[in-house]
Amino acid sequence: DASRIQQRMHNKLFLADNVLGVTGG
């Protein structure tokens, strides 16, 4: 399944009460 496993979810989120959140590296 190499064509799939090389693709990764690289997103970064830290969300509180849908009103404050941190994103970045």
PDBML (XML) file of the C-alpha atoms, coordinates in Angstrom:
<?xml version="1.0" encoding="UTF-8" ?>
<PDBx:datablock datablockName="MODEL"
   xmlns:PDBx="http://pdbml.pdb.org/schema/pdbx-v50.xsd"
   xmlns:xsi="http://www.w3.org/2001/XMLSchema-instance"
   xsi:schemaLocation="http://pdbml.pdb.org/schema/pdbx-v50.xsd pdbx-v50.xsd">
   <PDBx:atom_siteCategory>
      <PDBx:atom_site id="1">
         <PDBx:B_iso_or_equiv>0.00</PDBx:B_iso_or_equiv>
         <PDBx:Cartn_x>0.000</PDBx:Cartn_x>
         <PDBx:Cartn_y>0.000</PDBx:Cartn_y>
         <PDBx:Cartn_z>0.000</PDBx:Cartn_z>
         <PDBx:auth_asym_id>A</PDBx:auth_asym_id>
         <PDBx:auth_atom_id>CA</PDBx:auth_atom_id>
         <PDBx:auth_comp_id>ASP</PDBx:auth_comp_id>
         <PDBx:auth_seq_id>1</PDBx:auth_seq_id>
         <PDBx:group_PDB>ATOM</PDBx:group_PDB>
         <PDBx:label_alt_id xsi:nil="true" />
         <PDBx:label_asym_id>A</PDBx:label_asym_id>
         <PDBx:label_atom_id>CA</PDBx:label_atom_id>
         <PDBx:label_comp_id>ASP</PDBx:label_comp_id>
         <PDBx:label_entity_id>1</PDBx:label_entity_id>
         <PDBx:label_seq_id>1</PDBx:label_seq_id>
         <PDBx:occupancy>1.00</PDBx:occupancy>
         <PDBx:pdbx_PDB_model_num>1</PDBx:pdbx_PDB_model_num>
         <PDBx:type_symbol>C</PDBx:type_symbol>
      </PDBx:atom_site>
      <PDBx:atom_site id="2">
         <PDBx:B_iso_or_equiv>0.00</PDBx:B_iso_or_equiv>
         <PDBx:Cartn_x>3.046</PDBx:Cartn_x>
         <PDBx:Cartn_y>2.217</PDBx:Cartn_y>
         <PDBx:Cartn_z>-0.509</PDBx:Cartn_z>
         <PDBx:auth_asym_id>A</PDBx:auth_asym_id>
         <PDBx:auth_atom_id>CA</PDBx:auth_atom_id>
         <PDBx:auth_comp_id>ALA</PDBx:auth_comp_id>
         <PDBx:auth_seq_id>2</PDBx:auth_seq_id>
         <PDBx:group_PDB>ATOM</PDBx:group_PDB>
         <PDBx:label_alt_id xsi:nil="true" />
         <PDBx:label_asym_id>A</PDBx:label_asym_id>
         <PDBx:label_atom_id>CA</PDBx:label_atom_id>
         <PDBx:label_comp_id>ALA</PDBx:label_comp_id>
         <PDBx:label_entity_id>1</PDBx:label_entity_id>
         <PDBx:label_seq_id>2</PDBx:label_seq_id>
         <PDBx:occupancy>1.00</PDBx:occupancy>
         <PDBx:pdbx_PDB_model_num>1</PDBx:pdbx_PDB_model_num>
         <PDBx:type_symbol>C</PDBx:type_symbol>
      </PDBx:atom_site>
      <PDBx:atom_site id="3">
         <PDBx:B_iso_or_equiv>0.00</PDBx:B_iso_or_equiv>
         <PDBx:Cartn_x>1.291</PDBx:Cartn_x>
         <PDBx:Cartn_y>4.771</PDBx:Cartn_y>
         <PDBx:Cartn_z>-2.694</PDBx:Cartn_z>
         <PDBx:auth_asym_id>A</PDBx:auth_asym_id>
         <PDBx:auth_atom_id>CA</PDBx:auth_atom_id>
         <PDBx:auth_comp_id>SER</PDBx:auth_comp_id>
         <PDBx:auth_seq_id>3</PDBx:auth_seq_id>
         <PDBx:group_PDB>ATOM</PDBx:group_PDB>
         <PDBx:label_alt_id xsi:nil="true" />
         <PDBx:label_asym_id>A</PDBx:label_asym_id>
         <PDBx:label_atom_id>CA</PDBx:label_atom_id>
         <PDBx:label_comp_id>SER</PDBx:label_comp_id>
         <PDBx:label_entity_id>1</PDBx:label_entity_id>
         <PDBx:label_seq_id>3</PDBx:label_seq_id>
         <PDBx:occupancy>1.00</PDBx:occupancy>
         <PDBx:pdbx_PDB_model_num>1</PDBx:pdbx_PDB_model_num>
         <PDBx:type_symbol>C</PDBx:type_symbol>
      </PDBx:atom_site>
      <PDBx:atom_site id="4">
         <PDBx:B_iso_or_equiv>0.00</PDBx:B_iso_or_equiv>
         <PDBx:Cartn_x>-1.044</PDBx:Cartn_x>
         <PDBx:Cartn_y>5.542</PDBx:Cartn_y>
         <PDBx:Cartn_z>0.220</PDBx:Cartn_z>
         <PDBx:auth_asym_id>A</PDBx:auth_asym_id>
         <PDBx:auth_atom_id>CA</PDBx:auth_atom_id>
         <PDBx:auth_comp_id>ARG</PDBx:auth_comp_id>
         <PDBx:auth_seq_id>4</PDBx:auth_seq_id>
         <PDBx:group_PDB>ATOM</PDBx:group_PDB>
         <PDBx:label_alt_id xsi:nil="true" />
         <PDBx:label_asym_id>A</PDBx:label_asym_id>
         <PDBx:label_atom_id>CA</PDBx:label_atom_id>
         <PDBx:label_comp_id>ARG</PDBx:label_comp_id>
         <PDBx:label_entity_id>1</PDBx:label_entity_id>
         <PDBx:label_seq_id>4</PDBx:label_seq_id>
         <PDBx:occupancy>1.00</PDBx:occupancy>
         <PDBx:pdbx_PDB_model_num>1</PDBx:pdbx_PDB_model_num>
         <PDBx:type_symbol>C</PDBx:type_symbol>
      </PDBx:atom_site>
      <PDBx:atom_site id="5">
         <PDBx:B_iso_or_equiv>0.00</PDBx:B_iso_or_equiv>
         <PDBx:Cartn_x>1.276</PDBx:Cartn_x>
         <PDBx:Cartn_y>5.319</PDBx:Cartn_y>
         <PDBx:Cartn_z>3.206</PDBx:Cartn_z>
         <PDBx:auth_asym_id>A</PDBx:auth_asym_id>
         <PDBx:auth_atom_id>CA</PDBx:auth_atom_id>
         <PDBx:auth_comp_id>ILE</PDBx:auth_comp_id>
         <PDBx:auth_seq_id>5</PDBx:auth_seq_id>
         <PDBx:group_PDB>ATOM</PDBx:group_PDB>
         <PDBx:label_alt_id xsi:nil="true" />
         <PDBx:label_asym_id>A</PDBx:label_asym_id>
         <PDBx:label_atom_id>CA</PDBx:label_atom_id>
         <PDBx:label_comp_id>ILE</PDBx:label_comp_id>
         <PDBx:label_entity_id>1</PDBx:label_entity_id>
         <PDBx:label_seq_id>5</PDBx:label_seq_id>
         <PDBx:occupancy>1.00</PDBx:occupancy>
         <PDBx:pdbx_PDB_model_num>1</PDBx:pdbx_PDB_model_num>
         <PDBx:type_symbol>C</PDBx:type_symbol>
      </PDBx:atom_site>
      <PDBx:atom_site id="6">
         <PDBx:B_iso_or_equiv>0.00</PDBx:B_iso_or_equiv>
         <PDBx:Cartn_x>3.666</PDBx:Cartn_x>
         <PDBx:Cartn_y>7.907</PDBx:Cartn_y>
         <PDBx:Cartn_z>1.805</PDBx:Cartn_z>
         <PDBx:auth_asym_id>A</PDBx:auth_asym_id>
         <PDBx:auth_atom_id>CA</PDBx:auth_atom_id>
         <PDBx:auth_comp_id>GLN</PDBx:auth_comp_id>
         <PDBx:auth_seq_id>6</PDBx:auth_seq_id>
         <PDBx:group_PDB>ATOM</PDBx:group_PDB>
         <PDBx:label_alt_id xsi:nil="true" />
         <PDBx:label_asym_id>A</PDBx:label_asym_id>
         <PDBx:label_atom_id>CA</PDBx:label_atom_id>
         <PDBx:label_comp_id>GLN</PDBx:label_comp_id>
         <PDBx:label_entity_id>1</PDBx:label_entity_id>
         <PDBx:label_seq_id>6</PDBx:label_seq_id>
         <PDBx:occupancy>1.00</PDBx:occupancy>
         <PDBx:pdbx_PDB_model_num>1</PDBx:pdbx_PDB_model_num>
         <PDBx:type_symbol>C</PDBx:type_symbol>
      </PDBx:atom_site>
      <PDBx:atom_site id="7">
         <PDBx:B_iso_or_equiv>0.00</PDBx:B_iso_or_equiv>
         <PDBx:Cartn_x>0.822</PDBx:Cartn_x>
         <PDBx:Cartn_y>10.452</PDBx:Cartn_y>
         <PDBx:Cartn_z>1.954</PDBx:Cartn_z>
         <PDBx:auth_asym_id>A</PDBx:auth_asym_id>
         <PDBx:auth_atom_id>CA</PDBx:auth_atom_id>
         <PDBx:auth_comp_id>GLN</PDBx:auth_comp_id>
         <PDBx:auth_seq_id>7</PDBx:auth_seq_id>
         <PDBx:group_PDB>ATOM</PDBx:group_PDB>
         <PDBx:label_alt_id xsi:nil="true" />
         <PDBx:label_asym_id>A</PDBx:label_asym_id>
         <PDBx:label_atom_id>CA</PDBx:label_atom_id>
         <PDBx:label_comp_id>GLN</PDBx:label_comp_id>
         <PDBx:label_entity_id>1</PDBx:label_entity_id>
         <PDBx:label_seq_id>7</PDBx:label_seq_id>
         <PDBx:occupancy>1.00</PDBx:occupancy>
         <PDBx:pdbx_PDB_model_num>1</PDBx:pdbx_PDB_model_num>
         <PDBx:type_symbol>C</PDBx:type_symbol>
      </PDBx:atom_site>
      <PDBx:atom_site id="8">
         <PDBx:B_iso_or_equiv>0.00</PDBx:B_iso_or_equiv>
         <PDBx:Cartn_x>0.356</PDBx:Cartn_x>
         <PDBx:Cartn_y>11.911</PDBx:Cartn_y>
         <PDBx:Cartn_z>5.436</PDBx:Cartn_z>
         <PDBx:auth_asym_id>A</PDBx:auth_asym_id>
         <PDBx:auth_atom_id>CA</PDBx:auth_atom_id>
         <PDBx:auth_comp_id>ARG</PDBx:auth_comp_id>
         <PDBx:auth_seq_id>8</PDBx:auth_seq_id>
         <PDBx:group_PDB>ATOM</PDBx:group_PDB>
         <PDBx:label_alt_id xsi:nil="true" />
         <PDBx:label_asym_id>A</PDBx:label_asym_id>
         <PDBx:label_atom_id>CA</PDBx:label_atom_id>
         <PDBx:label_comp_id>ARG</PDBx:label_comp_id>
         <PDBx:label_entity_id>1</PDBx:label_entity_id>
         <PDBx:label_seq_id>8</PDBx:label_seq_id>
         <PDBx:occupancy>1.00</PDBx:occupancy>
         <PDBx:pdbx_PDB_model_num>1</PDBx:pdbx_PDB_model_num>
         <PDBx:type_symbol>C</PDBx:type_symbol>
      </PDBx:atom_site>
      <PDBx:atom_site id="9">
         <PDBx:B_iso_or_equiv>0.00</PDBx:B_iso_or_equiv>
         <PDBx:Cartn_x>-1.996</PDBx:Cartn_x>
         <PDBx:Cartn_y>14.252</PDBx:Cartn_y>
         <PDBx:Cartn_z>7.269</PDBx:Cartn_z>
         <PDBx:auth_asym_id>A</PDBx:auth_asym_id>
         <PDBx:auth_atom_id>CA</PDBx:auth_atom_id>
         <PDBx:auth_comp_id>MET</PDBx:auth_comp_id>
         <PDBx:auth_seq_id>9</PDBx:auth_seq_id>
         <PDBx:group_PDB>ATOM</PDBx:group_PDB>
         <PDBx:label_alt_id xsi:nil="true" />
         <PDBx:label_asym_id>A</PDBx:label_asym_id>
         <PDBx:label_atom_id>CA</PDBx:label_atom_id>
         <PDBx:label_comp_id>MET</PDBx:label_comp_id>
         <PDBx:label_entity_id>1</PDBx:label_entity_id>
         <PDBx:label_seq_id>9</PDBx:label_seq_id>
         <PDBx:occupancy>1.00</PDBx:occupancy>
         <PDBx:pdbx_PDB_model_num>1</PDBx:pdbx_PDB_model_num>
         <PDBx:type_symbol>C</PDBx:type_symbol>
      </PDBx:atom_site>
      <PDBx:atom_site id="10">
         <PDBx:B_iso_or_equiv>0.00</PDBx:B_iso_or_equiv>
         <PDBx:Cartn_x>0.324</PDBx:Cartn_x>
         <PDBx:Cartn_y>17.134</PDBx:Cartn_y>
         <PDBx:Cartn_z>8.142</PDBx:Cartn_z>
         <PDBx:auth_asym_id>A</PDBx:auth_asym_id>
         <PDBx:auth_atom_id>CA</PDBx:auth_atom_id>
         <PDBx:auth_comp_id>HIS</PDBx:auth_comp_id>
         <PDBx:auth_seq_id>10</PDBx:auth_seq_id>
         <PDBx:group_PDB>ATOM</PDBx:group_PDB>
         <PDBx:label_alt_id xsi:nil="true" />
         <PDBx:label_asym_id>A</PDBx:label_asym_id>
         <PDBx:label_atom_id>CA</PDBx:label_atom_id>
         <PDBx:label_comp_id>HIS</PDBx:label_comp_id>
         <PDBx:label_entity_id>1</PDBx:label_entity_id>
         <PDBx:label_seq_id>10</PDBx:label_seq_id>
         <PDBx:occupancy>1.00</PDBx:occupancy>
         <PDBx:pdbx_PDB_model_num>1</PDBx:pdbx_PDB_model_num>
         <PDBx:type_symbol>C</PDBx:type_symbol>
      </PDBx:atom_site>
      <PDBx:atom_site id="11">
         <PDBx:B_iso_or_equiv>0.00</PDBx:B_iso_or_equiv>
         <PDBx:Cartn_x>-2.322</PDBx:Cartn_x>
         <PDBx:Cartn_y>19.581</PDBx:Cartn_y>
         <PDBx:Cartn_z>9.482</PDBx:Cartn_z>
         <PDBx:auth_asym_id>A</PDBx:auth_asym_id>
         <PDBx:auth_atom_id>CA</PDBx:auth_atom_id>
         <PDBx:auth_comp_id>ASN</PDBx:auth_comp_id>
         <PDBx:auth_seq_id>11</PDBx:auth_seq_id>
         <PDBx:group_PDB>ATOM</PDBx:group_PDB>
         <PDBx:label_alt_id xsi:nil="true" />
         <PDBx:label_asym_id>A</PDBx:label_asym_id>
         <PDBx:label_atom_id>CA</PDBx:label_atom_id>
         <PDBx:label_comp_id>ASN</PDBx:label_comp_id>
         <PDBx:label_entity_id>1</PDBx:label_entity_id>
         <PDBx:label_seq_id>11</PDBx:label_seq_id>
         <PDBx:occupancy>1.00</PDBx:occupancy>
         <PDBx:pdbx_PDB_model_num>1</PDBx:pdbx_PDB_model_num>
         <PDBx:type_symbol>C</PDBx:type_symbol>
      </PDBx:atom_site>
      <PDBx:atom_site id="12">
         <PDBx:B_iso_or_equiv>0.00</PDBx:B_iso_or_equiv>
         <PDBx:Cartn_x>-1.954</PDBx:Cartn_x>
         <PDBx:Cartn_y>21.125</PDBx:Cartn_y>
         <PDBx:Cartn_z>12.953</PDBx:Cartn_z>
         <PDBx:auth_asym_id>A</PDBx:auth_asym_id>
         <PDBx:auth_atom_id>CA</PDBx:auth_atom_id>
         <PDBx:auth_comp_id>LYS</PDBx:auth_comp_id>
         <PDBx:auth_seq_id>12</PDBx:auth_seq_id>
         <PDBx:group_PDB>ATOM</PDBx:group_PDB>
         <PDBx:label_alt_id xsi:nil="true" />
         <PDBx:label_asym_id>A</PDBx:label_asym_id>
         <PDBx:label_atom_id>CA</PDBx:label_atom_id>
         <PDBx:label_comp_id>LYS</PDBx:label_comp_id>
         <PDBx:label_entity_id>1</PDBx:label_entity_id>
         <PDBx:label_seq_id>12</PDBx:label_seq_id>
         <PDBx:occupancy>1.00</PDBx:occupancy>
         <PDBx:pdbx_PDB_model_num>1</PDBx:pdbx_PDB_model_num>
         <PDBx:type_symbol>C</PDBx:type_symbol>
      </PDBx:atom_site>
      <PDBx:atom_site id="13">
         <PDBx:B_iso_or_equiv>0.00</PDBx:B_iso_or_equiv>
         <PDBx:Cartn_x>-4.924</PDBx:Cartn_x>
         <PDBx:Cartn_y>22.478</PDBx:Cartn_y>
         <PDBx:Cartn_z>14.923</PDBx:Cartn_z>
         <PDBx:auth_asym_id>A</PDBx:auth_asym_id>
         <PDBx:auth_atom_id>CA</PDBx:auth_atom_id>
         <PDBx:auth_comp_id>LEU</PDBx:auth_comp_id>
         <PDBx:auth_seq_id>13</PDBx:auth_seq_id>
         <PDBx:group_PDB>ATOM</PDBx:group_PDB>
         <PDBx:label_alt_id xsi:nil="true" />
         <PDBx:label_asym_id>A</PDBx:label_asym_id>
         <PDBx:label_atom_id>CA</PDBx:label_atom_id>
         <PDBx:label_comp_id>LEU</PDBx:label_comp_id>
         <PDBx:label_entity_id>1</PDBx:label_entity_id>
         <PDBx:label_seq_id>13</PDBx:label_seq_id>
         <PDBx:occupancy>1.00</PDBx:occupancy>
         <PDBx:pdbx_PDB_model_num>1</PDBx:pdbx_PDB_model_num>
         <PDBx:type_symbol>C</PDBx:type_symbol>
      </PDBx:atom_site>
      <PDBx:atom_site id="14">
         <PDBx:B_iso_or_equiv>0.00</PDBx:B_iso_or_equiv>
         <PDBx:Cartn_x>-5.646</PDBx:Cartn_x>
         <PDBx:Cartn_y>23.063</PDBx:Cartn_y>
         <PDBx:Cartn_z>18.623</PDBx:Cartn_z>
         <PDBx:auth_asym_id>A</PDBx:auth_asym_id>
         <PDBx:auth_atom_id>CA</PDBx:auth_atom_id>
         <PDBx:auth_comp_id>PHE</PDBx:auth_comp_id>
         <PDBx:auth_seq_id>14</PDBx:auth_seq_id>
         <PDBx:group_PDB>ATOM</PDBx:group_PDB>
         <PDBx:label_alt_id xsi:nil="true" />
         <PDBx:label_asym_id>A</PDBx:label_asym_id>
         <PDBx:label_atom_id>CA</PDBx:label_atom_id>
         <PDBx:label_comp_id>PHE</PDBx:label_comp_id>
         <PDBx:label_entity_id>1</PDBx:label_entity_id>
         <PDBx:label_seq_id>14</PDBx:label_seq_id>
         <PDBx:occupancy>1.00</PDBx:occupancy>
         <PDBx:pdbx_PDB_model_num>1</PDBx:pdbx_PDB_model_num>
         <PDBx:type_symbol>C</PDBx:type_symbol>
      </PDBx:atom_site>
      <PDBx:atom_site id="15">
         <PDBx:B_iso_or_equiv>0.00</PDBx:B_iso_or_equiv>
         <PDBx:Cartn_x>-9.213</PDBx:Cartn_x>
         <PDBx:Cartn_y>24.392</PDBx:Cartn_y>
         <PDBx:Cartn_z>19.006</PDBx:Cartn_z>
         <PDBx:auth_asym_id>A</PDBx:auth_asym_id>
         <PDBx:auth_atom_id>CA</PDBx:auth_atom_id>
         <PDBx:auth_comp_id>LEU</PDBx:auth_comp_id>
         <PDBx:auth_seq_id>15</PDBx:auth_seq_id>
         <PDBx:group_PDB>ATOM</PDBx:group_PDB>
         <PDBx:label_alt_id xsi:nil="true" />
         <PDBx:label_asym_id>A</PDBx:label_asym_id>
         <PDBx:label_atom_id>CA</PDBx:label_atom_id>
         <PDBx:label_comp_id>LEU</PDBx:label_comp_id>
         <PDBx:label_entity_id>1</PDBx:label_entity_id>
         <PDBx:label_seq_id>15</PDBx:label_seq_id>
         <PDBx:occupancy>1.00</PDBx:occupancy>
         <PDBx:pdbx_PDB_model_num>1</PDBx:pdbx_PDB_model_num>
         <PDBx:type_symbol>C</PDBx:type_symbol>
      </PDBx:atom_site>
      <PDBx:atom_site id="16">
         <PDBx:B_iso_or_equiv>0.00</PDBx:B_iso_or_equiv>
         <PDBx:Cartn_x>-11.201</PDBx:Cartn_x>
         <PDBx:Cartn_y>25.333</PDBx:Cartn_y>
         <PDBx:Cartn_z>22.117</PDBx:Cartn_z>
         <PDBx:auth_asym_id>A</PDBx:auth_asym_id>
         <PDBx:auth_atom_id>CA</PDBx:auth_atom_id>
         <PDBx:auth_comp_id>ALA</PDBx:auth_comp_id>
         <PDBx:auth_seq_id>16</PDBx:auth_seq_id>
         <PDBx:group_PDB>ATOM</PDBx:group_PDB>
         <PDBx:label_alt_id xsi:nil="true" />
         <PDBx:label_asym_id>A</PDBx:label_asym_id>
         <PDBx:label_atom_id>CA</PDBx:label_atom_id>
         <PDBx:label_comp_id>ALA</PDBx:label_comp_id>
         <PDBx:label_entity_id>1</PDBx:label_entity_id>
         <PDBx:label_seq_id>16</PDBx:label_seq_id>
         <PDBx:occupancy>1.00</PDBx:occupancy>
         <PDBx:pdbx_PDB_model_num>1</PDBx:pdbx_PDB_model_num>
         <PDBx:type_symbol>C</PDBx:type_symbol>
      </PDBx:atom_site>
      <PDBx:atom_site id="17">
         <PDBx:B_iso_or_equiv>0.00</PDBx:B_iso_or_equiv>
         <PDBx:Cartn_x>-14.984</PDBx:Cartn_x>
         <PDBx:Cartn_y>25.882</PDBx:Cartn_y>
         <PDBx:Cartn_z>22.203</PDBx:Cartn_z>
         <PDBx:auth_asym_id>A</PDBx:auth_asym_id>
         <PDBx:auth_atom_id>CA</PDBx:auth_atom_id>
         <PDBx:auth_comp_id>ASP</PDBx:auth_comp_id>
         <PDBx:auth_seq_id>17</PDBx:auth_seq_id>
         <PDBx:group_PDB>ATOM</PDBx:group_PDB>
         <PDBx:label_alt_id xsi:nil="true" />
         <PDBx:label_asym_id>A</PDBx:label_asym_id>
         <PDBx:label_atom_id>CA</PDBx:label_atom_id>
         <PDBx:label_comp_id>ASP</PDBx:label_comp_id>
         <PDBx:label_entity_id>1</PDBx:label_entity_id>
         <PDBx:label_seq_id>17</PDBx:label_seq_id>
         <PDBx:occupancy>1.00</PDBx:occupancy>
         <PDBx:pdbx_PDB_model_num>1</PDBx:pdbx_PDB_model_num>
         <PDBx:type_symbol>C</PDBx:type_symbol>
      </PDBx:atom_site>
      <PDBx:atom_site id="18">
         <PDBx:B_iso_or_equiv>0.00</PDBx:B_iso_or_equiv>
         <PDBx:Cartn_x>-14.920</PDBx:Cartn_x>
         <PDBx:Cartn_y>26.731</PDBx:Cartn_y>
         <PDBx:Cartn_z>18.475</PDBx:Cartn_z>
         <PDBx:auth_asym_id>A</PDBx:auth_asym_id>
         <PDBx:auth_atom_id>CA</PDBx:auth_atom_id>
         <PDBx:auth_comp_id>ASN</PDBx:auth_comp_id>
         <PDBx:auth_seq_id>18</PDBx:auth_seq_id>
         <PDBx:group_PDB>ATOM</PDBx:group_PDB>
         <PDBx:label_alt_id xsi:nil="true" />
         <PDBx:label_asym_id>A</PDBx:label_asym_id>
         <PDBx:label_atom_id>CA</PDBx:label_atom_id>
         <PDBx:label_comp_id>ASN</PDBx:label_comp_id>
         <PDBx:label_entity_id>1</PDBx:label_entity_id>
         <PDBx:label_seq_id>18</PDBx:label_seq_id>
         <PDBx:occupancy>1.00</PDBx:occupancy>
         <PDBx:pdbx_PDB_model_num>1</PDBx:pdbx_PDB_model_num>
         <PDBx:type_symbol>C</PDBx:type_symbol>
      </PDBx:atom_site>
      <PDBx:atom_site id="19">
         <PDBx:B_iso_or_equiv>0.00</PDBx:B_iso_or_equiv>
         <PDBx:Cartn_x>-13.890</PDBx:Cartn_x>
         <PDBx:Cartn_y>30.304</PDBx:Cartn_y>
         <PDBx:Cartn_z>19.312</PDBx:Cartn_z>
         <PDBx:auth_asym_id>A</PDBx:auth_asym_id>
         <PDBx:auth_atom_id>CA</PDBx:auth_atom_id>
         <PDBx:auth_comp_id>VAL</PDBx:auth_comp_id>
         <PDBx:auth_seq_id>19</PDBx:auth_seq_id>
         <PDBx:group_PDB>ATOM</PDBx:group_PDB>
         <PDBx:label_alt_id xsi:nil="true" />
         <PDBx:label_asym_id>A</PDBx:label_asym_id>
         <PDBx:label_atom_id>CA</PDBx:label_atom_id>
         <PDBx:label_comp_id>VAL</PDBx:label_comp_id>
         <PDBx:label_entity_id>1</PDBx:label_entity_id>
         <PDBx:label_seq_id>19</PDBx:label_seq_id>
         <PDBx:occupancy>1.00</PDBx:occupancy>
         <PDBx:pdbx_PDB_model_num>1</PDBx:pdbx_PDB_model_num>
         <PDBx:type_symbol>C</PDBx:type_symbol>
      </PDBx:atom_site>
      <PDBx:atom_site id="20">
         <PDBx:B_iso_or_equiv>0.00</PDBx:B_iso_or_equiv>
         <PDBx:Cartn_x>-10.111</PDBx:Cartn_x>
         <PDBx:Cartn_y>30.209</PDBx:Cartn_y>
         <PDBx:Cartn_z>19.974</PDBx:Cartn_z>
         <PDBx:auth_asym_id>A</PDBx:auth_asym_id>
         <PDBx:auth_atom_id>CA</PDBx:auth_atom_id>
         <PDBx:auth_comp_id>LEU</PDBx:auth_comp_id>
         <PDBx:auth_seq_id>20</PDBx:auth_seq_id>
         <PDBx:group_PDB>ATOM</PDBx:group_PDB>
         <PDBx:label_alt_id xsi:nil="true" />
         <PDBx:label_asym_id>A</PDBx:label_asym_id>
         <PDBx:label_atom_id>CA</PDBx:label_atom_id>
         <PDBx:label_comp_id>LEU</PDBx:label_comp_id>
         <PDBx:label_entity_id>1</PDBx:label_entity_id>
         <PDBx:label_seq_id>20</PDBx:label_seq_id>
         <PDBx:occupancy>1.00</PDBx:occupancy>
         <PDBx:pdbx_PDB_model_num>1</PDBx:pdbx_PDB_model_num>
         <PDBx:type_symbol>C</PDBx:type_symbol>
      </PDBx:atom_site>
      <PDBx:atom_site id="21">
         <PDBx:B_iso_or_equiv>0.00</PDBx:B_iso_or_equiv>
         <PDBx:Cartn_x>-7.532</PDBx:Cartn_x>
         <PDBx:Cartn_y>28.080</PDBx:Cartn_y>
         <PDBx:Cartn_z>18.206</PDBx:Cartn_z>
         <PDBx:auth_asym_id>A</PDBx:auth_asym_id>
         <PDBx:auth_atom_id>CA</PDBx:auth_atom_id>
         <PDBx:auth_comp_id>GLY</PDBx:auth_comp_id>
         <PDBx:auth_seq_id>21</PDBx:auth_seq_id>
         <PDBx:group_PDB>ATOM</PDBx:group_PDB>
         <PDBx:label_alt_id xsi:nil="true" />
         <PDBx:label_asym_id>A</PDBx:label_asym_id>
         <PDBx:label_atom_id>CA</PDBx:label_atom_id>
         <PDBx:label_comp_id>GLY</PDBx:label_comp_id>
         <PDBx:label_entity_id>1</PDBx:label_entity_id>
         <PDBx:label_seq_id>21</PDBx:label_seq_id>
         <PDBx:occupancy>1.00</PDBx:occupancy>
         <PDBx:pdbx_PDB_model_num>1</PDBx:pdbx_PDB_model_num>
         <PDBx:type_symbol>C</PDBx:type_symbol>
      </PDBx:atom_site>
      <PDBx:atom_site id="22">
         <PDBx:B_iso_or_equiv>0.00</PDBx:B_iso_or_equiv>
         <PDBx:Cartn_x>-3.860</PDBx:Cartn_x>
         <PDBx:Cartn_y>27.644</PDBx:Cartn_y>
         <PDBx:Cartn_z>17.359</PDBx:Cartn_z>
         <PDBx:auth_asym_id>A</PDBx:auth_asym_id>
         <PDBx:auth_atom_id>CA</PDBx:auth_atom_id>
         <PDBx:auth_comp_id>VAL</PDBx:auth_comp_id>
         <PDBx:auth_seq_id>22</PDBx:auth_seq_id>
         <PDBx:group_PDB>ATOM</PDBx:group_PDB>
         <PDBx:label_alt_id xsi:nil="true" />
         <PDBx:label_asym_id>A</PDBx:label_asym_id>
         <PDBx:label_atom_id>CA</PDBx:label_atom_id>
         <PDBx:label_comp_id>VAL</PDBx:label_comp_id>
         <PDBx:label_entity_id>1</PDBx:label_entity_id>
         <PDBx:label_seq_id>22</PDBx:label_seq_id>
         <PDBx:occupancy>1.00</PDBx:occupancy>
         <PDBx:pdbx_PDB_model_num>1</PDBx:pdbx_PDB_model_num>
         <PDBx:type_symbol>C</PDBx:type_symbol>
      </PDBx:atom_site>
      <PDBx:atom_site id="23">
         <PDBx:B_iso_or_equiv>0.00</PDBx:B_iso_or_equiv>
         <PDBx:Cartn_x>-2.476</PDBx:Cartn_x>
         <PDBx:Cartn_y>26.612</PDBx:Cartn_y>
         <PDBx:Cartn_z>13.986</PDBx:Cartn_z>
         <PDBx:auth_asym_id>A</PDBx:auth_asym_id>
         <PDBx:auth_atom_id>CA</PDBx:auth_atom_id>
         <PDBx:auth_comp_id>THR</PDBx:auth_comp_id>
         <PDBx:auth_seq_id>23</PDBx:auth_seq_id>
         <PDBx:group_PDB>ATOM</PDBx:group_PDB>
         <PDBx:label_alt_id xsi:nil="true" />
         <PDBx:label_asym_id>A</PDBx:label_asym_id>
         <PDBx:label_atom_id>CA</PDBx:label_atom_id>
         <PDBx:label_comp_id>THR</PDBx:label_comp_id>
         <PDBx:label_entity_id>1</PDBx:label_entity_id>
         <PDBx:label_seq_id>23</PDBx:label_seq_id>
         <PDBx:occupancy>1.00</PDBx:occupancy>
         <PDBx:pdbx_PDB_model_num>1</PDBx:pdbx_PDB_model_num>
         <PDBx:type_symbol>C</PDBx:type_symbol>
      </PDBx:atom_site>
      <PDBx:atom_site id="24">
         <PDBx:B_iso_or_equiv>0.00</PDBx:B_iso_or_equiv>
         <PDBx:Cartn_x>0.990</PDBx:Cartn_x>
         <PDBx:Cartn_y>26.691</PDBx:Cartn_y>
         <PDBx:Cartn_z>12.448</PDBx:Cartn_z>
         <PDBx:auth_asym_id>A</PDBx:auth_asym_id>
         <PDBx:auth_atom_id>CA</PDBx:auth_atom_id>
         <PDBx:auth_comp_id>GLY</PDBx:auth_comp_id>
         <PDBx:auth_seq_id>24</PDBx:auth_seq_id>
         <PDBx:group_PDB>ATOM</PDBx:group_PDB>
         <PDBx:label_alt_id xsi:nil="true" />
         <PDBx:label_asym_id>A</PDBx:label_asym_id>
         <PDBx:label_atom_id>CA</PDBx:label_atom_id>
         <PDBx:label_comp_id>GLY</PDBx:label_comp_id>
         <PDBx:label_entity_id>1</PDBx:label_entity_id>
         <PDBx:label_seq_id>24</PDBx:label_seq_id>
         <PDBx:occupancy>1.00</PDBx:occupancy>
         <PDBx:pdbx_PDB_model_num>1</PDBx:pdbx_PDB_model_num>
         <PDBx:type_symbol>C</PDBx:type_symbol>
      </PDBx:atom_site>
      <PDBx:atom_site id="25">
         <PDBx:B_iso_or_equiv>0.00</PDBx:B_iso_or_equiv>
         <PDBx:Cartn_x>4.043</PDBx:Cartn_x>
         <PDBx:Cartn_y>24.492</PDBx:Cartn_y>
         <PDBx:Cartn_z>12.267</PDBx:Cartn_z>
         <PDBx:auth_asym_id>A</PDBx:auth_asym_id>
         <PDBx:auth_atom_id>CA</PDBx:auth_atom_id>
         <PDBx:auth_comp_id>GLY</PDBx:auth_comp_id>
         <PDBx:auth_seq_id>25</PDBx:auth_seq_id>
         <PDBx:group_PDB>ATOM</PDBx:group_PDB>
         <PDBx:label_alt_id xsi:nil="true" />
         <PDBx:label_asym_id>A</PDBx:label_asym_id>
         <PDBx:label_atom_id>CA</PDBx:label_atom_id>
         <PDBx:label_comp_id>GLY</PDBx:label_comp_id>
         <PDBx:label_entity_id>1</PDBx:label_entity_id>
         <PDBx:label_seq_id>25</PDBx:label_seq_id>
         <PDBx:occupancy>1.00</PDBx:occupancy>
         <PDBx:pdbx_PDB_model_num>1</PDBx:pdbx_PDB_model_num>
         <PDBx:type_symbol>C</PDBx:type_symbol>
      </PDBx:atom_site>
   </PDBx:atom_siteCategory>
</PDBx:datablock>
